[in-house]
């Protein structure tokens, strides 16, 4: 945007957006928890995520939403997703809504993606949205990374 017209794009520093979305059946997470127990939770979710989800009335839907957000984040990257374990991406709750905390391997993958697009990683911001509907049986995660090229 320019100073003269806030709705007019500033093509000298265009905005770059990377977006990922994922949907998962809540029952799928419930089945994985039942089959693999703590080993599944420990491999996929951080201690903080496990504590939060286990305190909810229906833990599988909360695990599913976090799983979907992690997968959505991986879809924003240009590197193959097996290089970033889901445990390296934490979905945390804040008063302002869900946020991602990235372990060094996830942060490095994001920085690599942004740098390849000419975006200064320090200019980037991440927006996270979670939703789950037990009656429909699905959870959704959406991650949007916004940065400015050429700064």
Protein backbone atom coordinates (compact mmCIF):
# COMPACT_ATOMS: atom_id res chain seq x y z
CA UNK A 1 0.00 0.00 0.00
CA UNK A 2 1.14 3.54 -0.62
CA UNK A 3 0.92 6.57 1.63
CA UNK A 4 -1.26 8.40 -0.91
CA UNK A 5 -3.81 5.63 -1.23
CA UNK A 6 -3.85 2.89 1.42
CA UNK A 7 -5.79 0.58 -0.92
CA UNK A 8 -3.28 0.90 -3.77
CA UNK A 9 -0.64 -1.87 -3.81
CA UNK A 10 3.01 -0.91 -3.40
CA UNK A 11 4.64 -2.88 -6.23
CA UNK A 12 8.13 -1.92 -5.10
CA UNK A 13 7.66 -4.09 -1.99
CA UNK A 14 4.96 -6.57 -2.93
CA UNK A 15 3.54 -8.84 -0.31
CA UNK A 16 4.19 -12.56 -0.56
CA UNK A 17 1.68 -15.01 0.85
CA UNK A 18 2.19 -18.72 1.49
CA UNK A 19 -0.96 -20.54 2.53
CA UNK A 20 -1.66 -24.07 3.65
CA UNK A 21 -4.86 -25.75 4.74
CA UNK A 22 -5.55 -29.27 5.98
CA UNK A 23 -8.60 -31.19 7.09
CA UNK A 24 -8.64 -34.42 9.04
CA UNK A 25 -11.26 -36.78 10.38
CA UNK A 26 -11.39 -36.49 14.17
CA UNK A 27 -11.96 -40.26 14.41
CA UNK A 28 -8.65 -40.82 12.62
CA UNK A 29 -6.76 -39.11 15.45
CA UNK A 30 -8.85 -41.01 18.00
CA UNK A 31 -7.95 -44.27 16.26
CA UNK A 32 -4.23 -43.41 16.21
CA UNK A 33 -4.34 -42.51 19.90
CA UNK A 34 -6.09 -45.80 20.70
CA UNK A 35 -3.70 -47.87 18.58
CA UNK A 36 -0.37 -46.23 19.48
CA UNK A 37 -1.14 -44.42 22.75
CA UNK A 38 1.55 -42.21 24.22
CA UNK A 39 4.10 -43.06 21.52
CA UNK A 40 1.86 -41.39 18.92
CA UNK A 41 1.23 -38.34 21.10
CA UNK A 42 4.91 -37.99 22.01
CA UNK A 43 6.03 -38.30 18.39
CA UNK A 44 3.55 -35.76 17.03
CA UNK A 45 2.63 -33.32 19.81
CA UNK A 46 4.62 -31.27 22.29
CA UNK A 47 4.10 -31.66 26.04
CA UNK A 48 2.24 -28.33 26.10
CA UNK A 49 -0.14 -29.46 23.35
CA UNK A 50 -0.77 -32.77 25.09
CA UNK A 51 -1.52 -31.07 28.39
CA UNK A 52 -4.00 -28.71 26.75
CA UNK A 53 -5.76 -31.40 24.68
CA UNK A 54 -6.01 -33.89 27.54
CA UNK A 55 -7.73 -31.24 29.71
CA UNK A 56 -10.54 -30.80 27.16
CA UNK A 57 -13.85 -32.67 27.26
CA UNK A 58 -13.11 -34.26 23.86
CA UNK A 59 -9.32 -34.53 23.40
CA UNK A 60 -9.36 -36.10 19.90
CA UNK A 61 -10.99 -33.05 18.28
CA UNK A 62 -8.36 -30.75 19.81
CA UNK A 63 -5.51 -33.04 18.77
CA UNK A 64 -7.02 -33.21 15.28
CA UNK A 65 -7.17 -29.42 14.93
CA UNK A 66 -3.52 -29.17 15.97
CA UNK A 67 -2.53 -31.95 13.59
CA UNK A 68 -4.31 -30.14 10.75
CA UNK A 69 -2.53 -26.86 11.58
CA UNK A 70 0.85 -28.61 11.59
CA UNK A 71 0.12 -30.18 8.21
CA UNK A 72 -1.10 -26.81 6.91
CA UNK A 73 2.18 -25.20 8.00
CA UNK A 74 4.15 -27.90 6.17
CA UNK A 75 2.20 -27.05 3.01
CA UNK A 76 3.53 -23.47 3.16
CA UNK A 77 7.11 -24.72 2.76
CA UNK A 78 9.04 -25.32 -0.45
CA UNK A 79 11.19 -28.02 1.18
CA UNK A 80 9.87 -31.57 1.40
CA UNK A 81 7.81 -31.90 4.57
CA UNK A 82 9.64 -35.01 5.92
CA UNK A 83 12.54 -32.68 6.78
CA UNK A 84 10.36 -31.02 9.46
CA UNK A 85 8.84 -33.32 12.09
CA UNK A 86 5.39 -32.34 13.33
CA UNK A 87 6.76 -32.25 16.87
CA UNK A 88 8.86 -29.23 15.75
CA UNK A 89 5.66 -27.22 15.18
CA UNK A 90 3.70 -26.31 18.29
CA UNK A 91 0.20 -24.86 18.22
CA UNK A 92 -0.23 -22.75 21.33
CA UNK A 93 -3.15 -20.79 22.66
CA UNK A 94 -2.88 -17.07 23.25
CA UNK A 95 -5.50 -14.49 24.19
CA UNK A 96 -5.31 -13.29 20.58
CA UNK A 97 -5.90 -16.78 19.17
CA UNK A 98 -3.78 -19.76 18.16
CA UNK A 99 -0.14 -19.22 17.25
CA UNK A 100 2.71 -21.39 16.08
CA UNK A 101 5.92 -21.85 18.00
CA UNK A 102 8.58 -23.25 15.69
CA UNK A 103 11.54 -25.35 16.78
CA UNK A 104 14.83 -24.49 15.01
CA UNK A 105 14.35 -27.07 12.22
CA UNK A 106 10.88 -25.70 11.39
CA UNK A 107 12.06 -22.09 11.66
CA UNK A 108 14.99 -22.84 9.31
CA UNK A 109 12.64 -24.44 6.75
CA UNK A 110 10.35 -21.40 6.87
CA UNK A 111 13.29 -19.01 6.52
CA UNK A 112 14.57 -21.02 3.54
CA UNK A 113 11.16 -20.82 1.87
CA UNK A 114 10.88 -17.07 2.46
CA UNK A 115 14.46 -16.35 1.38
CA UNK A 116 13.92 -18.31 -1.85
CA UNK A 117 11.01 -15.95 -2.58
CA UNK A 118 13.08 -12.86 -1.82
CA UNK A 119 11.33 -12.23 1.50
CA UNK A 120 13.21 -11.08 4.58
CA UNK A 121 12.18 -13.65 7.22
CA UNK A 122 12.06 -10.88 9.83
CA UNK A 123 9.22 -9.24 7.86
CA UNK A 124 7.05 -12.36 7.99
CA UNK A 125 4.02 -12.97 10.14
CA UNK A 126 2.08 -16.20 10.61
CA UNK A 127 -1.70 -16.41 11.05
CA UNK A 128 -3.27 -19.64 12.30
CA UNK A 129 -6.91 -20.68 12.29
CA UNK A 130 -8.31 -23.84 13.87
CA UNK A 131 -11.79 -25.28 13.66
CA UNK A 132 -13.40 -28.55 14.65
CA UNK A 133 -16.92 -29.86 14.44
CA UNK A 134 -17.60 -33.06 16.33
CA UNK A 135 -21.00 -33.55 14.67
CA UNK A 136 -19.42 -33.35 11.20
CA UNK A 137 -16.43 -35.34 12.43
CA UNK A 138 -13.70 -33.09 11.01
CA UNK A 139 -11.06 -30.64 12.16
CA UNK A 140 -9.43 -28.01 10.00
CA UNK A 141 -6.20 -26.06 10.27
CA UNK A 142 -5.23 -23.07 8.16
CA UNK A 143 -1.84 -21.33 8.19
CA UNK A 144 -1.00 -18.16 6.28
CA UNK A 145 2.50 -16.74 6.15
CA UNK A 146 2.75 -13.15 4.94
CA UNK A 147 6.01 -11.35 4.20
CA UNK A 148 7.30 -8.41 2.19
CA UNK A 149 9.76 -8.95 -0.66
CA UNK A 150 12.69 -6.69 -1.19
CA UNK A 151 13.16 -5.16 2.23
